[in-house]
Each structure stands twice: as structure tokens, then as C-alpha cells.
Amino acid sequence: MTDVTGVPADVLHTLFHSEQGGHEQVVLCQDRATGLKAVIALHSTALGPALGGTRFYPYANEAAAIADALNLARGMSYKNAMAGLDHGGGKAVIIGDPEKIKTEELLLAYGRFVASLGGRYVTACDVGTYVADMDVVARENRWTTGRSPENGGAGDSSVLTAFGVFQGMRASAQTLWGDPTLRGRKVGVAGVGKVGHYLVEHLLEDGAEVVITDVREESVRRITDKHPQVTVVTDTEALIRVEGLDIYAPCALGGALNEETVPFITASIVCGAANNQLAHPGIEKDLVERGILYAPDYVVNAGGVIQVADELHGFDFDRCKAKATKIFDTTLEIFARAKADGIPPAAASDRIAEQRMADARRA
């Protein structure tokens, strides 16, 4: 482990002083033999051990990695609270290009750092990490989920993540149009990789007209080879401007909703799988002013974390799917609270999650 000497002041301010902070613990991890540099951030353990995935990404610098870990961990506290899980929020990031530096030895070293926390942090897959990686990490500790069925896990959590987003879309449609069906609605999906391609299947099965984009040509081909009726546009900038778009689903990396995109969104609903879709506080108000109904990302994309949390109790897919189905009701509750309090849905969701965490601390 390294010390915090040289950590930029803005990162320390986020940790100790800002509204985005309040984290319980941040661990900086280094194993020179394998090249591992990682950050494990625990935002809250009020509801139970912190649960959140491991992101493997080539950050521009260590400060960016720490800031991302802090932000993602905080988001997991809210996600787990709204999902009704007995888990707090945590997140880990490994710094580097996984295509270049990911090795079995590096993952084992990372697993030992997870073990050193003694169960305060439970990890899983995220961007840049996969089921096979978690199988390796789990060899060094018993607090790793997202493993393969052969190794006692539940396998790919993208399946239920997509299912939960679909439930959030149905609730959004019910709120805005009085009917949960998406039949005849035009839905734009930005990012059809891990989660997005499963979401497309749900949408087509429900009778929606689907438009997609992805930076990876192979991901697009996987969809169009099977479903030639799906429309493809060049990029997200083109997708959000599609005429007659009813729902926009950001399903890639975060920050998709910002000053440069929100003014041009033609859809009436935004509901997608990406984490941290709001680029910064205040964007949720811009969406309201434009008459766009926003389904909070950490609520609708909780299907995956519901699945991996269940691994700790002996995984049962039907039990998990039943819990993920409740995302429909939770999303409706948030929209009702937002209307009653006269606040954006994102703020309403935060209030509900914060109340649950506060109640747990007092218990």
C-alpha cells in the first residue's frame, strides 16, 4: 500500500469535505512485482459490507482513478439502498489498460488486497473485468462475487442488469403515457455491449422499434446479424437527435447527460444502464426543464448487483429475477415522490436512499 503523499488537494477535499464525500475508507494498493496499482473505496457500511465491482481502466493519472473510485463507491451506497440490499457501497479501480497489463498474477495480487479488508468490501465485475477474472480474484479471498457457475457463482450479471433497466423503462412509460408497454415506441440504445445487447432483446420482444449505436463494430454486428430490422446510427450525437425518439438509453460509460447533450435529446424519457449518467449536479434540473423524465440510473441498473449479492447466500436465479422485477415498483415510487415533493426524480431517489441509510445508522 502507498501513502497519500502527493494526492491532489481536490481529491482530498472530495473525500473529507464535499457533499460527494463522506467515505469511510480508501485503500491505495500497489504490487510492484505484477504492476498492480489499484484503489478500493468504501463509502458506507451502514447497511452491511460494502458491495461494488472492480473497474479496470487506463486512467489518465492516479488522481483521476481515485476520483472515479470515490464517485462510483458513493453511487453504490445509493444503488444498494434502493435495491433493498443489506449492503453498503464500495468500488475498486485498477489503473491500466486491461488489454496490456492484465495477468493472472496481477489479479491474484489484487485479490489479496480485497482479503486484507476482512469482508468489509465485497467485489464483483465492472468495466474491464469479467467472470473469468473474478474466478481468479476469488482464489485469494471469499468476498468475490460475479464468479462462474463452475466456481460457485452466478455467472454474467448483465442479464439481470438489462432486465432491471427494462423494468425501469416500463415504469417510465406507465408514468408518462399511462401504459407500461413499449410496443410501437422508438427506443435508442447507446452502447450494445455487455448489458445493451440484452436490453435490445427485451425491447424487440415487447414490440419496440430500436435504434442503436456503439463504438465497437462487432457489438453492432452481433445485433444486426440477428435482428436486421434494427436501425444503426453513427454515434451517440446522432442517436439523441433521432426524429420521433421516445426513449434514450445510455448504456456505455458515465457522463452521457451534460450541457452538450441534454439540449438536443429528442426523447421524452431517459432510462439506461450506464452508471453516473448525470455529468454533474444540476443536470437533473435541466432535464426537468426540458420536460424529459429521467429514471435514476442507479435504481434501474440494480439488477446486476441484486444478482451478485445473492451469490453470498447461495444463488437462485428465480429469486433474483423476482427482486429485479420490483425495480418497476421502485421506479414508480420515485416518480410519485418527485411529483409530491416538487423535485427531480434523481433528488427524490437520493432522499429515499439517504433515509434508509440514516435509519440503519440509528438502529
Protein backbone atom coordinates (compact mmCIF):
# COMPACT_ATOMS: atom_id res chain seq x y z
CA MET A 1 0.00 0.00 0.00
CA THR A 2 1.19 3.51 -0.73
CA ASP A 3 0.69 6.51 1.48
CA VAL A 4 -1.34 9.54 0.41
CA THR A 5 1.64 11.85 -0.11
CA GLY A 6 1.15 13.73 -3.35
CA VAL A 7 -2.59 13.08 -3.65
CA PRO A 8 -4.04 16.28 -5.17
CA ALA A 9 -5.86 18.63 -2.81
CA ASP A 10 -9.08 18.45 -4.83
CA VAL A 11 -9.25 14.68 -4.32
CA LEU A 12 -8.72 15.05 -0.57
CA HIS A 13 -11.35 17.78 -0.48
CA THR A 14 -13.82 15.44 -2.18
CA LEU A 15 -13.04 12.75 0.37
CA PHE A 16 -13.26 14.82 3.55
CA HIS A 17 -15.27 17.96 2.88
CA SER A 18 -17.56 17.90 -0.16
CA GLU A 19 -21.13 16.64 -0.40
CA GLN A 20 -19.79 13.94 -2.72
CA GLY A 21 -17.51 12.66 0.04
CA GLY A 22 -18.19 11.13 3.43
CA HIS A 23 -16.33 7.92 2.57
CA GLU A 24 -15.36 5.63 5.43
CA GLN A 25 -12.15 4.25 3.97
CA VAL A 26 -9.95 4.49 0.89
CA VAL A 27 -7.18 1.97 0.28
CA LEU A 28 -4.37 2.63 -2.20
CA CYS A 29 -2.93 -0.67 -3.38
CA GLN A 30 0.36 -1.39 -5.13
CA ASP A 31 2.18 -4.58 -6.03
CA ARG A 32 5.33 -3.74 -7.94
CA ALA A 33 6.06 -7.31 -8.93
CA THR A 34 2.88 -7.53 -11.00
CA GLY A 35 2.41 -3.85 -11.86
CA LEU A 36 -0.81 -3.61 -9.87
CA LYS A 37 -1.99 -0.13 -8.93
CA ALA A 38 -5.50 -0.04 -7.53
CA VAL A 39 -7.86 1.98 -5.38
CA ILE A 40 -10.55 0.45 -3.15
CA ALA A 41 -13.07 2.98 -1.85
CA LEU A 42 -15.66 2.21 0.82
CA HIS A 43 -18.33 4.88 1.01
CA SER A 44 -20.67 3.35 3.58
CA THR A 45 -21.13 0.13 5.54
CA ALA A 46 -24.25 1.35 7.37
CA LEU A 47 -26.43 -1.30 5.73
CA GLY A 48 -23.76 -4.01 5.68
CA PRO A 49 -20.48 -4.85 3.94
CA ALA A 50 -19.72 -2.52 1.03
CA LEU A 51 -20.55 -4.16 -2.29
CA GLY A 52 -19.41 -2.97 -5.71
CA GLY A 53 -17.46 -4.07 -8.75
CA THR A 54 -13.86 -3.75 -9.85
CA ARG A 55 -13.22 -1.45 -12.82
CA PHE A 56 -10.04 -1.99 -14.89
CA TYR A 57 -9.39 1.16 -16.89
CA PRO A 58 -6.47 3.20 -18.33
CA TYR A 59 -6.98 6.38 -16.33
CA ALA A 60 -5.03 9.47 -17.35
CA ASN A 61 -3.44 9.60 -13.89
CA GLU A 62 -3.79 8.32 -10.34
CA ALA A 63 -5.86 11.32 -9.25
CA ALA A 64 -8.47 10.55 -11.90
CA ALA A 65 -8.60 6.94 -10.71
CA ILE A 66 -9.10 7.95 -7.08
CA ALA A 67 -11.81 10.45 -8.02
CA ASP A 68 -13.63 7.82 -10.07
CA ALA A 69 -13.42 5.26 -7.27
CA LEU A 70 -14.86 7.77 -4.78
CA ASN A 71 -17.71 8.69 -7.10
CA LEU A 72 -18.53 5.11 -8.02
CA ALA A 73 -18.43 3.93 -4.40
CA ARG A 74 -20.86 6.64 -3.34
CA GLY A 75 -23.17 5.63 -6.16
CA MET A 76 -23.09 2.03 -4.98
CA SER A 77 -24.27 3.06 -1.50
CA TYR A 78 -27.36 4.62 -3.06
CA LYS A 79 -27.87 1.78 -5.53
CA ASN A 80 -27.70 -0.92 -2.86
CA ALA A 81 -30.00 1.03 -0.56
CA MET A 82 -32.62 1.49 -3.28
CA ALA A 83 -32.33 -2.17 -4.28
CA GLY A 84 -33.25 -3.17 -0.73
CA LEU A 85 -29.95 -4.95 -0.15
CA ASP A 86 -28.22 -5.33 3.20
CA HIS A 87 -25.04 -3.88 1.74
CA GLY A 88 -23.28 -0.57 1.77
CA GLY A 89 -21.41 0.90 -1.16
CA GLY A 90 -17.87 0.34 -2.34
CA LYS A 91 -15.92 0.26 -5.58
CA ALA A 92 -12.45 -0.62 -6.76
CA VAL A 93 -10.49 0.56 -9.77
CA ILE A 94 -7.36 -0.98 -11.23
CA ILE A 95 -5.24 1.51 -13.15
CA GLY A 96 -4.07 0.46 -16.60
CA ASP A 97 -5.15 -0.94 -19.93
CA PRO A 98 -6.51 -4.44 -19.26
CA GLU A 99 -5.58 -5.48 -22.78
CA LYS A 100 -1.93 -4.77 -21.98
CA ILE A 101 -1.30 -5.41 -18.29
CA LYS A 102 -4.00 -7.79 -17.03
CA THR A 103 -2.38 -11.04 -15.88
CA GLU A 104 -3.32 -13.84 -13.52
CA GLU A 105 -0.59 -12.75 -11.13
CA LEU A 106 -1.89 -9.17 -11.05
CA LEU A 107 -5.45 -10.34 -10.34
CA LEU A 108 -4.21 -12.61 -7.56
CA ALA A 109 -2.33 -9.70 -6.01
CA TYR A 110 -5.50 -7.63 -6.18
CA GLY A 111 -7.42 -10.48 -4.55
CA ARG A 112 -5.04 -10.35 -1.60
CA PHE A 113 -5.80 -6.66 -1.09
CA VAL A 114 -9.53 -7.46 -1.07
CA ALA A 115 -8.81 -10.18 1.50
CA SER A 116 -6.92 -7.69 3.68
CA LEU A 117 -10.18 -5.81 4.30
CA GLY A 118 -11.61 -8.85 6.08
CA GLY A 119 -15.05 -8.76 4.50
CA ARG A 120 -15.71 -5.02 4.70
CA TYR A 121 -15.64 -4.99 0.89
CA VAL A 122 -17.28 -7.50 -1.48
CA THR A 123 -16.17 -7.19 -5.10
CA ALA A 124 -17.59 -8.19 -8.49
CA CYS A 125 -17.21 -7.43 -12.21
CA ASP A 126 -17.31 -3.99 -13.78
CA VAL A 127 -15.92 -2.31 -16.89
CA GLY A 128 -12.79 -4.17 -17.97
CA THR A 129 -13.30 -7.19 -15.71
CA TYR A 130 -15.17 -10.38 -16.42
CA VAL A 131 -16.40 -13.59 -14.83
CA ALA A 132 -13.11 -15.36 -15.57
CA ASP A 133 -11.24 -12.56 -13.79
CA MET A 134 -13.41 -12.90 -10.69
CA ASP A 135 -12.69 -16.63 -10.64
CA VAL A 136 -9.01 -15.74 -10.33
CA VAL A 137 -9.53 -13.00 -7.72
CA ALA A 138 -11.68 -15.40 -5.66
CA ARG A 139 -8.74 -17.76 -5.25
CA GLU A 140 -7.31 -15.26 -2.74
CA ASN A 141 -10.44 -14.37 -0.76
CA ARG A 142 -14.05 -15.36 -0.06
CA TRP A 143 -15.53 -11.93 -0.72
CA THR A 144 -15.60 -12.08 -4.51
CA THR A 145 -18.86 -12.42 -6.43
CA GLY A 146 -19.61 -12.46 -10.15
CA ARG A 147 -17.85 -15.82 -10.45
CA SER A 148 -18.68 -18.55 -12.94
CA PRO A 149 -21.26 -21.20 -12.01
CA GLU A 150 -18.45 -23.77 -12.07
CA ASN A 151 -16.77 -21.82 -9.27
CA GLY A 152 -19.84 -21.27 -7.13
CA GLY A 153 -21.01 -18.05 -8.74
CA ALA A 154 -23.97 -16.80 -10.73
CA GLY A 155 -22.20 -16.02 -13.98
CA ASP A 156 -22.86 -12.97 -16.11
CA SER A 157 -24.77 -10.30 -14.15
CA SER A 158 -25.51 -8.34 -17.35
CA VAL A 159 -28.63 -10.44 -17.89
CA LEU A 160 -30.46 -9.13 -14.84
CA THR A 161 -28.98 -5.65 -15.22
CA ALA A 162 -30.68 -5.38 -18.60
CA PHE A 163 -33.89 -6.86 -17.20
CA GLY A 164 -33.95 -4.24 -14.45
CA VAL A 165 -33.41 -1.39 -16.92
CA PHE A 166 -36.29 -2.77 -18.96
CA GLN A 167 -38.49 -2.69 -15.84
CA GLY A 168 -37.44 0.92 -15.26
CA MET A 169 -38.43 1.78 -18.83
CA ARG A 170 -41.82 0.16 -18.34
CA ALA A 171 -42.37 2.20 -15.18
CA SER A 172 -41.33 5.36 -17.01
CA ALA A 173 -43.77 4.60 -19.82
CA GLN A 174 -46.52 3.95 -17.27
CA THR A 175 -45.84 7.30 -15.61
CA LEU A 176 -45.62 9.35 -18.79
CA TRP A 177 -48.06 7.60 -21.12
CA GLY A 178 -50.31 5.62 -18.77
CA ASP A 179 -49.28 2.24 -20.20
CA PRO A 180 -46.15 0.20 -19.39
CA THR A 181 -45.87 -1.43 -22.80
CA LEU A 182 -43.15 -0.24 -25.17
CA ARG A 183 -44.90 -1.59 -28.25
CA GLY A 184 -44.61 0.93 -31.06
CA ARG A 185 -42.21 3.15 -29.10
CA LYS A 186 -38.90 4.15 -30.66
CA VAL A 187 -36.02 3.43 -28.27
CA GLY A 188 -32.41 4.48 -28.85
CA VAL A 189 -29.72 2.40 -27.14
CA ALA A 190 -26.22 3.90 -26.94
CA GLY A 191 -23.86 1.03 -26.19
CA VAL A 192 -24.87 -2.53 -27.05
CA GLY A 193 -22.09 -4.41 -25.29
CA LYS A 194 -22.37 -6.36 -22.04
CA VAL A 195 -25.78 -5.04 -20.99
CA GLY A 196 -27.07 -3.20 -24.04
CA HIS A 197 -27.48 -6.23 -26.27
CA TYR A 198 -29.65 -7.99 -23.68
CA LEU A 199 -31.73 -4.82 -23.34
CA VAL A 200 -32.28 -4.76 -27.10
CA GLU A 201 -33.69 -8.29 -26.90
CA HIS A 202 -36.24 -7.22 -24.25
CA LEU A 203 -37.24 -4.18 -26.29
CA LEU A 204 -37.76 -6.11 -29.51
CA GLU A 205 -39.71 -8.80 -27.71
CA ASP A 206 -42.00 -6.09 -26.32
CA GLY A 207 -42.58 -4.67 -29.79
CA ALA A 208 -40.40 -1.56 -29.66
CA GLU A 209 -38.64 -0.02 -32.64
CA VAL A 210 -34.93 0.01 -31.80
CA VAL A 211 -32.11 2.31 -32.89
CA ILE A 212 -28.55 1.55 -31.76
CA THR A 213 -25.01 2.85 -31.79
CA ASP A 214 -21.72 1.58 -30.41
CA VAL A 215 -18.06 2.43 -30.93
CA ARG A 216 -17.34 -1.29 -31.39
CA GLU A 217 -18.40 -2.52 -34.81
CA GLU A 218 -18.50 -6.14 -33.63
CA SER A 219 -21.09 -5.25 -30.98
CA VAL A 220 -23.30 -3.64 -33.61
CA ARG A 221 -22.95 -6.62 -35.95
CA ARG A 222 -23.96 -9.02 -33.19
CA ILE A 223 -27.30 -7.19 -33.05
CA THR A 224 -27.90 -6.56 -36.75
CA ASP A 225 -26.93 -10.07 -37.86
CA LYS A 226 -29.68 -11.43 -35.62
CA HIS A 227 -32.14 -8.55 -35.97
CA PRO A 228 -31.73 -6.81 -39.35
CA GLN A 229 -34.74 -4.59 -38.62
CA VAL A 230 -32.70 -2.67 -36.01
CA THR A 231 -31.55 0.75 -37.21
CA VAL A 232 -27.91 1.78 -36.74
CA VAL A 233 -26.65 5.37 -36.46
CA THR A 234 -23.07 6.58 -36.46
CA ASP A 235 -22.69 7.78 -32.89
CA THR A 236 -24.46 8.95 -29.74
CA GLU A 237 -24.65 12.51 -31.04
CA ALA A 238 -26.73 11.23 -33.94
CA LEU A 239 -28.77 8.90 -31.73
CA ILE A 240 -30.05 11.57 -29.34
CA ARG A 241 -31.20 13.63 -32.33
CA VAL A 242 -33.21 10.84 -34.00
CA GLU A 243 -36.60 12.17 -35.03
CA GLY A 244 -39.50 10.65 -33.14
CA LEU A 245 -37.31 9.05 -30.46
CA ASP A 246 -39.38 8.17 -27.39
CA ILE A 247 -36.74 6.77 -25.04
CA TYR A 248 -32.98 7.30 -24.88
CA ALA A 249 -31.00 4.56 -23.12
CA PRO A 250 -27.37 5.44 -22.28
CA CYS A 251 -25.67 2.07 -21.77
CA ALA A 252 -21.96 2.87 -22.10
CA LEU A 253 -19.73 4.90 -19.76
CA GLY A 254 -20.98 7.70 -17.49
CA GLY A 255 -21.43 11.42 -18.07
CA ALA A 256 -23.75 10.96 -21.04
CA LEU A 257 -26.12 13.66 -19.78
CA ASN A 258 -24.38 17.02 -19.87
CA GLU A 259 -24.68 20.57 -21.21
CA GLU A 260 -23.69 19.43 -24.69
CA THR A 261 -26.20 16.58 -24.98
CA VAL A 262 -29.31 17.45 -22.94
CA PRO A 263 -30.40 20.38 -25.18
CA PHE A 264 -30.52 18.05 -28.19
CA ILE A 265 -32.25 14.96 -26.77
CA THR A 266 -35.45 14.36 -28.72
CA ALA A 267 -36.69 11.60 -26.40
CA SER A 268 -39.26 12.14 -23.65
CA ILE A 269 -37.67 9.55 -21.35
CA VAL A 270 -34.06 8.81 -20.42
CA CYS A 271 -33.57 5.37 -18.90
CA GLY A 272 -30.37 3.39 -19.37
CA ALA A 273 -27.82 1.06 -17.83
CA ALA A 274 -24.78 3.35 -17.63
CA ASN A 275 -23.57 4.45 -14.21
CA ASN A 276 -23.24 8.14 -13.29
CA GLN A 277 -25.16 9.38 -16.32
CA LEU A 278 -25.54 12.89 -14.87
CA ALA A 279 -22.25 14.66 -15.61
CA HIS A 280 -22.61 16.84 -12.52
CA PRO A 281 -25.25 18.10 -10.07
CA GLY A 282 -27.75 20.38 -11.78
CA ILE A 283 -28.16 18.36 -14.96
CA GLU A 284 -31.23 16.67 -13.47
CA LYS A 285 -32.89 20.10 -13.30
CA ASP A 286 -32.04 20.74 -16.95
CA LEU A 287 -33.85 17.52 -17.86
CA VAL A 288 -36.93 18.60 -15.90
CA GLU A 289 -36.93 21.99 -17.61
CA ARG A 290 -36.90 20.26 -20.99
CA GLY A 291 -39.79 18.02 -19.96
CA ILE A 292 -37.67 14.86 -20.03
CA LEU A 293 -38.48 12.15 -17.49
CA TYR A 294 -35.22 10.75 -16.09
CA ALA A 295 -35.18 7.33 -14.42
CA PRO A 296 -32.25 7.44 -11.94
CA ASP A 297 -29.50 5.21 -13.28
CA TYR A 298 -28.51 3.56 -10.02
CA VAL A 299 -32.11 2.49 -9.44
CA VAL A 300 -32.88 0.94 -12.81
CA ASN A 301 -29.49 -0.73 -13.33
CA ALA A 302 -29.52 -2.52 -9.95
CA GLY A 303 -30.41 -5.93 -11.38
CA GLY A 304 -26.76 -6.91 -11.61
CA VAL A 305 -25.92 -6.04 -8.03
CA ILE A 306 -29.04 -7.89 -6.87
CA GLN A 307 -27.67 -10.96 -8.65
CA VAL A 308 -24.13 -10.83 -7.29
CA ALA A 309 -25.34 -10.11 -3.74
CA ASP A 310 -27.41 -13.28 -3.92
CA GLU A 311 -24.26 -15.33 -4.52
CA LEU A 312 -23.34 -14.81 -0.88
CA HIS A 313 -26.49 -16.71 0.12
CA GLY A 314 -26.48 -19.47 -2.50
CA PHE A 315 -27.51 -18.15 -5.89
CA ASP A 316 -31.06 -18.69 -7.13
CA PHE A 317 -31.90 -17.06 -10.48
CA ASP A 318 -35.67 -17.05 -9.99
CA ARG A 319 -35.32 -15.39 -6.59
CA CYS A 320 -33.06 -12.72 -8.10
CA LYS A 321 -35.35 -12.10 -11.05
CA ALA A 322 -38.29 -11.63 -8.68
CA LYS A 323 -36.27 -9.00 -6.80
CA ALA A 324 -35.23 -7.30 -10.04
CA THR A 325 -38.87 -7.18 -11.16
CA LYS A 326 -39.52 -4.89 -8.18
CA ILE A 327 -37.42 -2.21 -9.90
CA PHE A 328 -40.67 -1.40 -11.72
CA ASP A 329 -42.43 -0.54 -8.43
CA THR A 330 -39.39 1.25 -7.00
CA THR A 331 -39.17 3.48 -10.08
CA LEU A 332 -42.88 4.30 -9.82
CA GLU A 333 -42.36 5.19 -6.14
CA ILE A 334 -39.55 7.58 -7.06
CA PHE A 335 -41.61 9.35 -9.71
CA ALA A 336 -44.50 9.71 -7.26
CA ARG A 337 -42.18 11.11 -4.57
CA ALA A 338 -40.66 13.54 -7.07
CA LYS A 339 -44.10 14.81 -8.05
CA ALA A 340 -45.26 15.11 -4.44
CA ASP A 341 -42.12 16.97 -3.30
CA GLY A 342 -41.75 19.06 -6.46
CA ILE A 343 -38.20 17.85 -7.09
CA PRO A 344 -36.43 15.95 -9.90
CA PRO A 345 -36.61 12.13 -9.75
CA ALA A 346 -32.86 11.95 -9.10
CA ALA A 347 -33.27 14.06 -5.96
CA ALA A 348 -36.27 12.02 -4.84
CA SER A 349 -34.31 8.80 -5.19
CA ASP A 350 -31.40 10.25 -3.21
CA ARG A 351 -33.74 11.24 -0.39
CA ILE A 352 -35.24 7.77 -0.13
CA ALA A 353 -31.81 6.09 -0.16
CA GLU A 354 -30.35 8.53 2.38
CA GLN A 355 -33.28 7.91 4.71
CA ARG A 356 -32.71 4.16 4.62
CA MET A 357 -29.00 4.59 5.38
CA ALA A 358 -29.76 7.05 8.19
CA ASP A 359 -32.32 4.68 9.71
CA ALA A 360 -29.74 1.87 9.64
CA ARG A 361 -27.17 4.01 11.45
CA ARG A 362 -29.66 4.79 14.22
CA ALA A 363 -30.76 1.17 14.61
